């Protein structure tokens, strides 16, 4: 039976082939969203923020509804990639703007991806959830750029995220968040040397 590692390998290989000549695209595995309350299996950051949730034939679907709610607040487009076992049930569980792909065996023991339906743009992204993708100093730098950092310079990141979501135009916020994510020097190591970061 197909395992998660097989499905993940197929997705990463496919995305790498699509974006290998695009220096403005970043592919991130296990991206944290909603301040660590959830993780998306694979994210693609460029002119849009695309998420890929993976469910192998060995996985259960009991967390999918919650995952779709959290991911739906953050990503511009979402795609669920499933093994054949879950295709029908999963198609009924995800929002209609999500894409759906099914794995198919190829010669040589590899997996291919078959598109059941293409993703559409998220009809209701959440500005706060998008702002929360930024580390404290990243969010603060955007507020300083906007001239709206007064009163939150020494506040915890939750205050900074809320302020950023309140004062930003959604399109500007999405652009700035994608830009900061693409230019992080070290994706896995958020600075934690000050108490107010948390």
N, C-alpha and C. Protein backbone atom coordinates (compact mmCIF):
# COMPACT_ATOMS: atom_id res chain seq x y z
N UNK A 1 0.84 -1.20 0.00
CA UNK A 1 0.00 0.00 0.00
C UNK A 1 0.88 1.25 0.00
N UNK A 2 0.47 2.25 -0.75
CA UNK A 2 1.23 3.48 -0.86
C UNK A 2 1.39 4.17 0.49
N UNK A 3 2.61 4.64 0.79
CA UNK A 3 2.90 5.33 2.03
C UNK A 3 3.04 6.83 1.79
N UNK A 4 3.04 7.59 2.89
CA UNK A 4 3.16 9.04 2.79
C UNK A 4 4.43 9.45 2.05
N UNK A 5 5.53 8.78 2.32
CA UNK A 5 6.80 9.16 1.69
C UNK A 5 6.75 9.03 0.18
N UNK A 6 6.01 8.03 -0.31
CA UNK A 6 5.88 7.86 -1.76
C UNK A 6 5.08 9.01 -2.38
N UNK A 7 3.99 9.37 -1.71
CA UNK A 7 3.14 10.45 -2.20
C UNK A 7 3.89 11.78 -2.14
N UNK A 8 4.57 12.03 -1.02
CA UNK A 8 5.34 13.27 -0.85
C UNK A 8 6.43 13.40 -1.92
N UNK A 9 7.12 12.30 -2.17
CA UNK A 9 8.17 12.31 -3.19
C UNK A 9 7.61 12.67 -4.55
N UNK A 10 6.45 12.12 -4.89
CA UNK A 10 5.83 12.41 -6.19
C UNK A 10 5.44 13.88 -6.29
N UNK A 11 4.87 14.43 -5.22
CA UNK A 11 4.45 15.83 -5.25
C UNK A 11 5.65 16.77 -5.36
N UNK A 12 6.67 16.54 -4.54
CA UNK A 12 7.86 17.39 -4.58
C UNK A 12 8.55 17.30 -5.95
N UNK A 13 8.64 16.10 -6.47
CA UNK A 13 9.27 15.92 -7.79
C UNK A 13 8.50 16.69 -8.86
N UNK A 14 7.17 16.62 -8.81
CA UNK A 14 6.34 17.31 -9.79
C UNK A 14 6.49 18.83 -9.66
N UNK A 15 6.44 19.34 -8.44
CA UNK A 15 6.56 20.79 -8.22
C UNK A 15 7.95 21.29 -8.61
N UNK A 16 8.96 20.51 -8.28
CA UNK A 16 10.33 20.90 -8.64
C UNK A 16 10.49 20.99 -10.15
N UNK A 17 9.89 20.06 -10.87
CA UNK A 17 9.96 20.09 -12.33
C UNK A 17 9.25 21.34 -12.89
N UNK A 18 8.15 21.71 -12.29
CA UNK A 18 7.38 22.87 -12.75
C UNK A 18 8.15 24.17 -12.51
N UNK A 19 8.77 24.30 -11.33
CA UNK A 19 9.34 25.57 -10.91
C UNK A 19 10.87 25.62 -10.90
N UNK A 20 11.53 24.62 -11.47
CA UNK A 20 12.99 24.56 -11.36
C UNK A 20 13.71 25.76 -11.96
N UNK A 21 13.12 26.43 -12.92
CA UNK A 21 13.75 27.59 -13.55
C UNK A 21 13.17 28.92 -13.06
N UNK A 22 12.47 28.88 -11.94
CA UNK A 22 11.84 30.09 -11.40
C UNK A 22 12.48 30.45 -10.07
N UNK A 23 13.42 31.41 -10.06
CA UNK A 23 14.09 31.77 -8.81
C UNK A 23 13.19 32.47 -7.81
N UNK A 24 12.00 32.88 -8.26
CA UNK A 24 11.06 33.56 -7.36
C UNK A 24 10.13 32.59 -6.63
N UNK A 25 10.33 31.29 -6.85
CA UNK A 25 9.46 30.29 -6.22
C UNK A 25 10.22 29.55 -5.13
N UNK A 26 9.57 29.40 -4.00
CA UNK A 26 10.10 28.65 -2.87
C UNK A 26 9.14 27.51 -2.56
N UNK A 27 9.67 26.30 -2.42
CA UNK A 27 8.87 25.13 -2.04
C UNK A 27 9.25 24.77 -0.61
N UNK A 28 8.25 24.72 0.27
CA UNK A 28 8.49 24.48 1.70
C UNK A 28 7.70 23.25 2.14
N UNK A 29 8.37 22.33 2.79
CA UNK A 29 7.70 21.18 3.39
C UNK A 29 7.37 21.45 4.85
N UNK A 30 6.23 20.94 5.30
CA UNK A 30 5.82 21.04 6.70
C UNK A 30 5.81 22.49 7.17
N UNK A 31 5.11 23.32 6.45
CA UNK A 31 5.02 24.74 6.79
C UNK A 31 4.00 24.95 7.91
N UNK A 32 4.43 25.61 8.96
CA UNK A 32 3.57 25.89 10.10
C UNK A 32 2.59 27.01 9.77
N UNK A 33 1.33 26.82 10.15
CA UNK A 33 0.31 27.85 9.97
C UNK A 33 -0.46 28.04 11.27
N UNK A 34 -1.11 29.20 11.40
CA UNK A 34 -1.88 29.56 12.60
C UNK A 34 -1.03 29.40 13.86
N UNK A 35 0.19 29.93 13.79
CA UNK A 35 1.13 29.94 14.91
C UNK A 35 1.37 28.53 15.45
N UNK A 36 1.54 27.59 14.54
CA UNK A 36 1.89 26.24 14.93
C UNK A 36 0.73 25.32 15.25
N UNK A 37 -0.50 25.82 15.12
CA UNK A 37 -1.65 24.95 15.41
C UNK A 37 -1.83 23.88 14.37
N UNK A 38 -1.25 24.08 13.20
CA UNK A 38 -1.33 23.09 12.14
C UNK A 38 -0.13 23.25 11.23
N UNK A 39 0.08 22.26 10.37
CA UNK A 39 1.13 22.32 9.36
C UNK A 39 0.55 21.86 8.03
N UNK A 40 0.99 22.52 6.98
CA UNK A 40 0.62 22.09 5.64
C UNK A 40 1.76 21.23 5.11
N UNK A 41 1.43 20.14 4.44
CA UNK A 41 2.47 19.22 4.00
C UNK A 41 3.47 19.86 3.06
N UNK A 42 2.98 20.59 2.07
CA UNK A 42 3.86 21.27 1.12
C UNK A 42 3.23 22.61 0.76
N UNK A 43 4.06 23.65 0.76
CA UNK A 43 3.61 24.98 0.34
C UNK A 43 4.49 25.47 -0.79
N UNK A 44 3.88 26.19 -1.73
CA UNK A 44 4.61 26.83 -2.82
C UNK A 44 4.38 28.33 -2.69
N UNK A 45 5.49 29.07 -2.54
CA UNK A 45 5.41 30.52 -2.34
C UNK A 45 6.01 31.21 -3.55
N UNK A 46 5.20 31.98 -4.27
CA UNK A 46 5.69 32.82 -5.36
C UNK A 46 4.70 33.97 -5.51
N UNK A 47 4.11 34.16 -6.67
CA UNK A 47 3.10 35.20 -6.83
C UNK A 47 1.81 34.89 -6.11
N UNK A 48 1.63 33.63 -5.74
CA UNK A 48 0.51 33.20 -4.90
C UNK A 48 1.07 32.28 -3.82
N UNK A 49 0.23 31.94 -2.88
CA UNK A 49 0.59 31.01 -1.81
C UNK A 49 -0.29 29.78 -1.97
N UNK A 50 0.32 28.69 -2.45
CA UNK A 50 -0.42 27.46 -2.72
C UNK A 50 -0.07 26.39 -1.70
N UNK A 51 -1.07 25.69 -1.21
CA UNK A 51 -0.84 24.62 -0.24
C UNK A 51 -1.26 23.28 -0.80
N UNK A 52 -0.54 22.23 -0.37
CA UNK A 52 -0.83 20.87 -0.79
C UNK A 52 -0.93 19.99 0.45
N UNK A 53 -2.11 19.45 0.66
CA UNK A 53 -2.34 18.51 1.77
C UNK A 53 -2.29 17.11 1.18
N UNK A 54 -1.54 16.21 1.84
CA UNK A 54 -1.32 14.87 1.31
C UNK A 54 -1.99 13.83 2.19
N UNK A 55 -2.72 12.91 1.57
CA UNK A 55 -3.36 11.81 2.29
C UNK A 55 -3.08 10.51 1.53
N UNK A 56 -2.17 9.74 2.07
CA UNK A 56 -1.86 8.46 1.43
C UNK A 56 -2.94 7.45 1.76
N UNK A 57 -2.88 6.29 1.12
CA UNK A 57 -3.87 5.24 1.39
C UNK A 57 -3.80 4.75 2.83
N UNK A 58 -2.69 4.97 3.50
CA UNK A 58 -2.55 4.55 4.90
C UNK A 58 -3.08 5.58 5.89
N UNK A 59 -3.30 6.81 5.42
CA UNK A 59 -3.78 7.88 6.31
C UNK A 59 -5.28 7.76 6.55
N UNK A 60 -5.70 8.40 7.63
CA UNK A 60 -7.12 8.53 7.92
C UNK A 60 -7.55 9.95 7.54
N UNK A 61 -8.85 10.13 7.34
CA UNK A 61 -9.37 11.43 6.92
C UNK A 61 -10.07 12.18 8.05
N UNK A 62 -9.95 11.69 9.28
CA UNK A 62 -10.72 12.30 10.37
C UNK A 62 -10.27 13.72 10.71
N UNK A 63 -9.05 14.10 10.35
CA UNK A 63 -8.58 15.46 10.62
C UNK A 63 -8.73 16.40 9.42
N UNK A 64 -9.23 15.89 8.32
CA UNK A 64 -9.27 16.68 7.09
C UNK A 64 -10.17 17.90 7.20
N UNK A 65 -11.30 17.79 7.85
CA UNK A 65 -12.21 18.94 7.97
C UNK A 65 -11.54 20.07 8.72
N UNK A 66 -10.88 19.75 9.82
CA UNK A 66 -10.18 20.78 10.60
C UNK A 66 -9.01 21.35 9.80
N UNK A 67 -8.28 20.50 9.11
CA UNK A 67 -7.16 20.98 8.30
C UNK A 67 -7.63 21.89 7.18
N UNK A 68 -8.77 21.57 6.59
CA UNK A 68 -9.27 22.40 5.49
C UNK A 68 -9.73 23.77 6.02
N UNK A 69 -10.26 23.80 7.22
CA UNK A 69 -10.67 25.07 7.83
C UNK A 69 -9.45 25.97 8.08
N UNK A 70 -8.40 25.40 8.66
CA UNK A 70 -7.20 26.17 8.98
C UNK A 70 -6.48 26.61 7.71
N UNK A 71 -6.27 25.68 6.79
CA UNK A 71 -5.58 26.01 5.54
C UNK A 71 -6.38 27.00 4.70
N UNK A 72 -7.69 26.89 4.76
CA UNK A 72 -8.55 27.78 4.00
C UNK A 72 -8.50 29.22 4.44
N UNK A 73 -8.00 29.45 5.64
CA UNK A 73 -7.84 30.82 6.12
C UNK A 73 -6.58 31.47 5.57
N UNK A 74 -5.63 30.66 5.12
CA UNK A 74 -4.28 31.15 4.83
C UNK A 74 -3.95 31.16 3.34
N UNK A 75 -4.23 30.07 2.64
CA UNK A 75 -3.68 29.87 1.30
C UNK A 75 -4.57 30.43 0.21
N UNK A 76 -3.92 30.92 -0.86
CA UNK A 76 -4.66 31.43 -2.02
C UNK A 76 -5.35 30.30 -2.76
N UNK A 77 -4.64 29.16 -2.86
CA UNK A 77 -5.20 27.97 -3.49
C UNK A 77 -4.76 26.77 -2.67
N UNK A 78 -5.61 25.74 -2.65
CA UNK A 78 -5.30 24.51 -1.94
C UNK A 78 -5.57 23.32 -2.84
N UNK A 79 -4.73 22.31 -2.71
CA UNK A 79 -4.92 21.06 -3.45
C UNK A 79 -4.74 19.90 -2.49
N UNK A 80 -5.68 18.98 -2.52
CA UNK A 80 -5.57 17.74 -1.77
C UNK A 80 -5.06 16.66 -2.73
N UNK A 81 -4.00 15.99 -2.31
CA UNK A 81 -3.43 14.91 -3.10
C UNK A 81 -3.67 13.61 -2.34
N UNK A 82 -4.35 12.65 -2.99
CA UNK A 82 -4.77 11.43 -2.30
C UNK A 82 -4.36 10.19 -3.09
N UNK A 83 -4.31 9.09 -2.35
CA UNK A 83 -4.22 7.79 -3.00
C UNK A 83 -5.60 7.37 -3.48
N UNK A 84 -5.68 6.36 -4.32
CA UNK A 84 -6.97 5.93 -4.88
C UNK A 84 -8.01 5.57 -3.82
N UNK A 85 -7.56 5.05 -2.70
CA UNK A 85 -8.49 4.61 -1.65
C UNK A 85 -9.37 5.75 -1.13
N UNK A 86 -8.84 6.97 -1.08
CA UNK A 86 -9.55 8.09 -0.46
C UNK A 86 -10.23 9.04 -1.44
N UNK A 87 -10.08 8.80 -2.72
CA UNK A 87 -10.52 9.81 -3.70
C UNK A 87 -11.98 10.21 -3.54
N UNK A 88 -12.89 9.27 -3.50
CA UNK A 88 -14.32 9.61 -3.47
C UNK A 88 -14.73 10.28 -2.17
N UNK A 89 -14.29 9.71 -1.05
CA UNK A 89 -14.67 10.29 0.24
C UNK A 89 -14.06 11.68 0.41
N UNK A 90 -12.80 11.84 0.06
CA UNK A 90 -12.13 13.14 0.22
C UNK A 90 -12.78 14.21 -0.63
N UNK A 91 -13.20 13.85 -1.84
CA UNK A 91 -13.83 14.82 -2.73
C UNK A 91 -15.08 15.42 -2.11
N UNK A 92 -15.77 14.67 -1.27
CA UNK A 92 -16.98 15.17 -0.60
C UNK A 92 -16.66 16.01 0.63
N UNK A 93 -15.43 15.93 1.12
CA UNK A 93 -15.08 16.57 2.38
C UNK A 93 -14.42 17.93 2.22
N UNK A 94 -13.84 18.20 1.07
CA UNK A 94 -13.08 19.45 0.90
C UNK A 94 -13.95 20.52 0.26
N UNK A 95 -13.62 21.80 0.51
CA UNK A 95 -14.37 22.89 -0.12
C UNK A 95 -14.28 22.82 -1.64
N UNK A 96 -15.26 23.38 -2.33
CA UNK A 96 -15.29 23.25 -3.78
C UNK A 96 -14.22 24.07 -4.49
N UNK A 97 -13.56 25.00 -3.78
CA UNK A 97 -12.48 25.76 -4.41
C UNK A 97 -11.14 25.03 -4.34
N UNK A 98 -11.07 23.96 -3.56
CA UNK A 98 -9.85 23.16 -3.49
C UNK A 98 -9.69 22.33 -4.76
N UNK A 99 -8.44 22.11 -5.15
CA UNK A 99 -8.15 21.15 -6.21
C UNK A 99 -8.03 19.75 -5.62
N UNK A 100 -8.10 18.75 -6.49
CA UNK A 100 -7.98 17.36 -6.06
C UNK A 100 -7.13 16.61 -7.07
N UNK A 101 -6.09 15.95 -6.58
CA UNK A 101 -5.23 15.13 -7.42
C UNK A 101 -5.15 13.72 -6.84
N UNK A 102 -5.08 12.72 -7.73
CA UNK A 102 -4.97 11.33 -7.32
C UNK A 102 -3.64 10.77 -7.85
N UNK A 103 -3.01 9.97 -7.02
CA UNK A 103 -1.77 9.34 -7.46
C UNK A 103 -2.09 8.15 -8.37
N UNK A 104 -1.17 7.92 -9.31
CA UNK A 104 -1.30 6.78 -10.22
C UNK A 104 0.06 6.11 -10.37
N UNK A 105 0.10 4.79 -10.35
CA UNK A 105 1.39 4.10 -10.51
C UNK A 105 1.92 4.25 -11.93
N UNK A 106 3.23 4.48 -12.02
CA UNK A 106 3.90 4.57 -13.31
C UNK A 106 4.91 3.44 -13.44
N UNK A 107 5.43 3.28 -14.61
CA UNK A 107 6.45 2.26 -14.84
C UNK A 107 7.67 2.56 -13.96
N UNK A 108 8.30 1.50 -13.49
CA UNK A 108 9.49 1.66 -12.66
C UNK A 108 9.18 1.87 -11.19
N UNK A 109 7.92 1.71 -10.82
CA UNK A 109 7.56 1.86 -9.41
C UNK A 109 7.34 3.28 -8.95
N UNK A 110 7.37 4.25 -9.86
CA UNK A 110 7.14 5.65 -9.50
C UNK A 110 5.64 5.96 -9.46
N UNK A 111 5.33 7.14 -8.92
CA UNK A 111 3.94 7.59 -8.86
C UNK A 111 3.77 8.84 -9.72
N UNK A 112 2.68 8.88 -10.46
CA UNK A 112 2.30 10.08 -11.19
C UNK A 112 1.10 10.72 -10.51
N UNK A 113 0.75 11.92 -10.93
CA UNK A 113 -0.37 12.64 -10.36
C UNK A 113 -1.39 12.93 -11.45
N UNK A 114 -2.65 12.59 -11.16
CA UNK A 114 -3.74 12.83 -12.11
C UNK A 114 -4.67 13.87 -11.50
N UNK A 115 -4.89 14.97 -12.22
CA UNK A 115 -5.75 16.04 -11.73
C UNK A 115 -7.22 15.67 -11.91
N UNK A 116 -7.93 15.61 -10.80
CA UNK A 116 -9.38 15.38 -10.82
C UNK A 116 -10.09 16.71 -11.01
N UNK A 117 -9.66 17.72 -10.27
CA UNK A 117 -10.15 19.07 -10.48
C UNK A 117 -9.06 20.06 -10.08
N UNK A 118 -9.01 21.18 -10.79
CA UNK A 118 -8.00 22.20 -10.53
C UNK A 118 -8.45 23.13 -9.40
N UNK A 119 -7.50 23.66 -8.64
CA UNK A 119 -7.90 24.58 -7.56
C UNK A 119 -8.34 25.92 -8.11
N UNK A 120 -9.21 26.59 -7.37
CA UNK A 120 -9.61 27.96 -7.68
C UNK A 120 -9.12 28.87 -6.55
N UNK A 121 -9.24 30.16 -6.77
CA UNK A 121 -8.78 31.11 -5.75
C UNK A 121 -9.68 31.05 -4.52
N UNK A 122 -9.06 31.17 -3.38
CA UNK A 122 -9.75 31.17 -2.09
C UNK A 122 -10.74 32.33 -2.03
N UNK A 123 -12.02 32.05 -1.80
CA UNK A 123 -12.99 33.14 -1.78
C UNK A 123 -13.00 33.96 -0.49
N UNK A 124 -12.36 33.45 0.57
CA UNK A 124 -12.46 34.15 1.86
C UNK A 124 -11.20 33.98 2.71
N UNK A 125 -10.04 34.49 2.25
CA UNK A 125 -8.84 34.41 3.09
C UNK A 125 -9.00 35.28 4.34
N UNK A 126 -8.31 34.90 5.39
CA UNK A 126 -8.39 35.59 6.68
C UNK A 126 -7.13 36.43 6.87
N UNK A 127 -7.24 37.77 6.91
CA UNK A 127 -6.05 38.61 7.05
C UNK A 127 -5.21 38.29 8.28
N UNK A 128 -5.84 37.98 9.40
CA UNK A 128 -5.08 37.65 10.61
C UNK A 128 -4.28 36.37 10.42
N UNK A 129 -4.90 35.35 9.84
CA UNK A 129 -4.19 34.09 9.60
C UNK A 129 -3.01 34.29 8.67
N UNK A 130 -3.16 35.17 7.70
CA UNK A 130 -2.07 35.46 6.77
C UNK A 130 -0.96 36.22 7.49
N UNK A 131 -1.32 37.21 8.29
CA UNK A 131 -0.32 37.97 9.05
C UNK A 131 0.47 37.06 9.99
N UNK A 132 -0.19 36.05 10.54
CA UNK A 132 0.46 35.14 11.49
C UNK A 132 1.55 34.28 10.86
N UNK A 133 1.63 34.26 9.54
CA UNK A 133 2.71 33.52 8.88
C UNK A 133 4.06 34.19 9.12
N UNK A 134 4.03 35.46 9.48
CA UNK A 134 5.27 36.20 9.68
C UNK A 134 5.80 36.05 11.10
N UNK A 135 7.10 36.02 11.22
CA UNK A 135 7.73 36.11 12.52
C UNK A 135 7.53 37.52 13.06
N UNK A 136 7.76 37.68 14.34
CA UNK A 136 7.50 38.96 14.98
C UNK A 136 8.20 40.11 14.28
N UNK A 137 9.51 39.99 14.07
CA UNK A 137 10.28 41.09 13.48
C UNK A 137 9.88 41.33 12.03
N UNK A 138 9.48 40.28 11.33
CA UNK A 138 9.01 40.45 9.96
C UNK A 138 7.72 41.26 9.93
N UNK A 139 6.78 40.89 10.79
CA UNK A 139 5.50 41.61 10.86
C UNK A 139 5.71 43.05 11.28
N UNK A 140 6.61 43.26 12.24
CA UNK A 140 6.89 44.61 12.71
C UNK A 140 7.50 45.45 11.59
N UNK A 141 8.35 44.87 10.78
CA UNK A 141 8.96 45.62 9.68
C UNK A 141 7.91 46.09 8.67
N UNK A 142 6.87 45.28 8.45
CA UNK A 142 5.80 45.70 7.55
C UNK A 142 4.99 46.82 8.17
N UNK A 143 4.73 46.74 9.47
CA UNK A 143 4.03 47.82 10.16
C UNK A 143 4.82 49.12 10.10
N UNK A 144 6.14 49.03 10.29
CA UNK A 144 6.99 50.22 10.19
C UNK A 144 6.93 50.82 8.79
N UNK A 145 6.91 49.96 7.79
CA UNK A 145 6.80 50.40 6.41
C UNK A 145 5.49 51.16 6.19
N UNK A 146 4.44 50.70 6.84
CA UNK A 146 3.12 51.33 6.72
C UNK A 146 2.98 52.58 7.60
N UNK A 147 3.92 52.75 8.53
CA UNK A 147 3.82 53.86 9.47
C UNK A 147 2.79 53.63 10.55
N UNK A 148 2.50 52.36 10.87
CA UNK A 148 1.46 52.02 11.84
C UNK A 148 1.99 51.18 13.00
N UNK A 149 3.25 51.36 13.36
CA UNK A 149 3.83 50.54 14.44
C UNK A 149 3.72 51.20 15.80
N UNK A 150 3.22 52.41 15.87
CA UNK A 150 3.12 53.14 17.15
C UNK A 150 2.29 52.34 18.15
N UNK A 151 2.84 52.14 19.33
CA UNK A 151 2.13 51.47 20.41
C UNK A 151 2.31 49.97 20.45
N UNK A 152 2.96 49.37 19.43
CA UNK A 152 3.13 47.91 19.45
C UNK A 152 4.59 47.48 19.36
N UNK A 153 5.53 48.44 19.36
CA UNK A 153 6.94 48.10 19.19
C UNK A 153 7.45 47.11 20.23
N UNK A 154 6.94 47.19 21.44
CA UNK A 154 7.39 46.29 22.51
C UNK A 154 6.34 45.23 22.86
N UNK A 155 5.31 45.14 22.05
CA UNK A 155 4.22 44.20 22.34
C UNK A 155 4.56 42.80 21.82
N UNK A 156 3.86 41.77 22.36
CA UNK A 156 4.04 40.41 21.84
C UNK A 156 3.60 40.31 20.39
N UNK A 157 4.03 39.24 19.73
CA UNK A 157 3.74 39.09 18.30
C UNK A 157 2.25 39.04 18.02
N UNK A 158 1.43 38.52 18.95
CA UNK A 158 -0.01 38.44 18.70
C UNK A 158 -0.61 39.84 18.50
N UNK A 159 -0.13 40.83 19.27
CA UNK A 159 -0.60 42.20 19.10
C UNK A 159 -0.16 42.77 17.75
N UNK A 160 1.06 42.45 17.37
CA UNK A 160 1.60 42.96 16.11
C UNK A 160 0.85 42.36 14.93
N UNK A 161 0.58 41.06 15.01
CA UNK A 161 -0.19 40.41 13.94
C UNK A 161 -1.58 41.02 13.81
N UNK A 162 -2.24 41.25 14.94
CA UNK A 162 -3.59 41.84 14.90
C UNK A 162 -3.57 43.23 14.28
N UNK A 163 -2.59 44.03 14.69
CA UNK A 163 -2.49 45.39 14.13
C UNK A 163 -2.24 45.33 12.62
N UNK A 164 -1.34 44.45 12.21
CA UNK A 164 -1.03 44.33 10.79
C UNK A 164 -2.26 43.93 9.99
N UNK A 165 -3.03 42.98 10.51
CA UNK A 165 -4.25 42.54 9.82
C UNK A 165 -5.29 43.65 9.75
N UNK A 166 -5.33 44.50 10.78
CA UNK A 166 -6.33 45.57 10.84
C UNK A 166 -6.01 46.72 9.88
N UNK A 167 -4.74 47.06 9.74
CA UNK A 167 -4.39 48.27 8.98
C UNK A 167 -4.02 47.99 7.54
N UNK A 168 -3.82 46.74 7.17
CA UNK A 168 -3.35 46.42 5.82
C UNK A 168 -4.48 46.14 4.85
N UNK A 169 -4.34 46.63 3.65
CA UNK A 169 -5.16 46.18 2.54
C UNK A 169 -4.80 44.71 2.29
N UNK A 170 -5.79 43.87 2.02
CA UNK A 170 -5.55 42.43 1.88
C UNK A 170 -4.51 42.12 0.80
N UNK A 171 -4.63 42.74 -0.35
CA UNK A 171 -3.69 42.47 -1.44
C UNK A 171 -2.26 42.86 -1.05
N UNK A 172 -2.12 44.00 -0.38
CA UNK A 172 -0.79 44.44 0.07
C UNK A 172 -0.25 43.46 1.10
N UNK A 173 -1.08 43.03 2.04
CA UNK A 173 -0.65 42.09 3.08
C UNK A 173 -0.19 40.78 2.45
N UNK A 174 -0.96 40.24 1.53
CA UNK A 174 -0.58 38.99 0.88
C UNK A 174 0.74 39.13 0.13
N UNK A 175 0.92 40.25 -0.56
CA UNK A 175 2.17 40.49 -1.29
C UNK A 175 3.35 40.55 -0.34
N UNK A 176 3.22 41.33 0.73
CA UNK A 176 4.33 41.49 1.67
C UNK A 176 4.64 40.17 2.40
N UNK A 177 3.63 39.41 2.76
CA UNK A 177 3.87 38.14 3.44
C UNK A 177 4.61 37.18 2.52
N UNK A 178 4.16 37.05 1.28
CA UNK A 178 4.86 36.18 0.33
C UNK A 178 6.31 36.62 0.14
N UNK A 179 6.52 37.92 0.04
CA UNK A 179 7.87 38.45 -0.14
C UNK A 179 8.76 38.09 1.05
N UNK A 180 8.26 38.28 2.27
CA UNK A 180 9.06 37.97 3.46
C UNK A 180 9.35 36.47 3.54
N UNK A 181 8.39 35.65 3.22
CA UNK A 181 8.59 34.20 3.28
C UNK A 181 9.67 33.76 2.28
N UNK A 182 9.63 34.32 1.09
CA UNK A 182 10.61 33.94 0.06
C UNK A 182 12.02 34.36 0.42
N UNK A 183 12.17 35.39 1.23
CA UNK A 183 13.50 35.93 1.52
C UNK A 183 14.02 35.60 2.91
N UNK A 184 13.39 34.68 3.60
CA UNK A 184 13.92 34.26 4.90
C UNK A 184 15.27 33.58 4.71
N UNK A 185 16.21 33.94 5.58
CA UNK A 185 17.54 33.32 5.51
C UNK A 185 17.51 31.90 6.09
N UNK A 186 16.75 31.71 7.14
CA UNK A 186 16.68 30.39 7.79
C UNK A 186 15.23 30.12 8.16
N UNK A 187 14.57 29.28 7.36
CA UNK A 187 13.14 29.04 7.52
C UNK A 187 12.77 28.40 8.84
N UNK A 188 13.64 27.59 9.40
CA UNK A 188 13.26 26.78 10.57
C UNK A 188 13.60 27.42 11.90
N UNK A 189 14.30 28.54 11.90
CA UNK A 189 14.83 29.07 13.17
C UNK A 189 14.34 30.48 13.43
N UNK A 190 13.12 30.62 13.91
CA UNK A 190 12.64 31.94 14.29
C UNK A 190 13.42 32.41 15.51
N UNK A 191 13.93 33.66 15.51
CA UNK A 191 14.64 34.16 16.68
C UNK A 191 13.76 34.14 17.92
N UNK A 192 14.31 33.69 19.04
CA UNK A 192 13.54 33.59 20.28
C UNK A 192 14.31 34.18 21.45
N UNK A 193 15.05 35.24 21.19
CA UNK A 193 15.91 35.75 22.24
C UNK A 193 15.27 36.84 23.09
N UNK A 194 14.00 37.17 22.80
CA UNK A 194 13.34 38.17 23.63
C UNK A 194 11.98 37.66 24.06
N UNK A 195 11.62 37.97 25.30
CA UNK A 195 10.36 37.45 25.85
C UNK A 195 9.16 37.92 25.05
N UNK A 196 9.21 39.17 24.53
CA UNK A 196 8.03 39.69 23.84
C UNK A 196 7.79 39.05 22.49
N UNK A 197 8.75 38.24 22.01
CA UNK A 197 8.50 37.52 20.76
C UNK A 197 7.29 36.60 20.91
N UNK A 198 7.00 36.18 22.12
CA UNK A 198 5.95 35.20 22.34
C UNK A 198 4.85 35.80 23.17
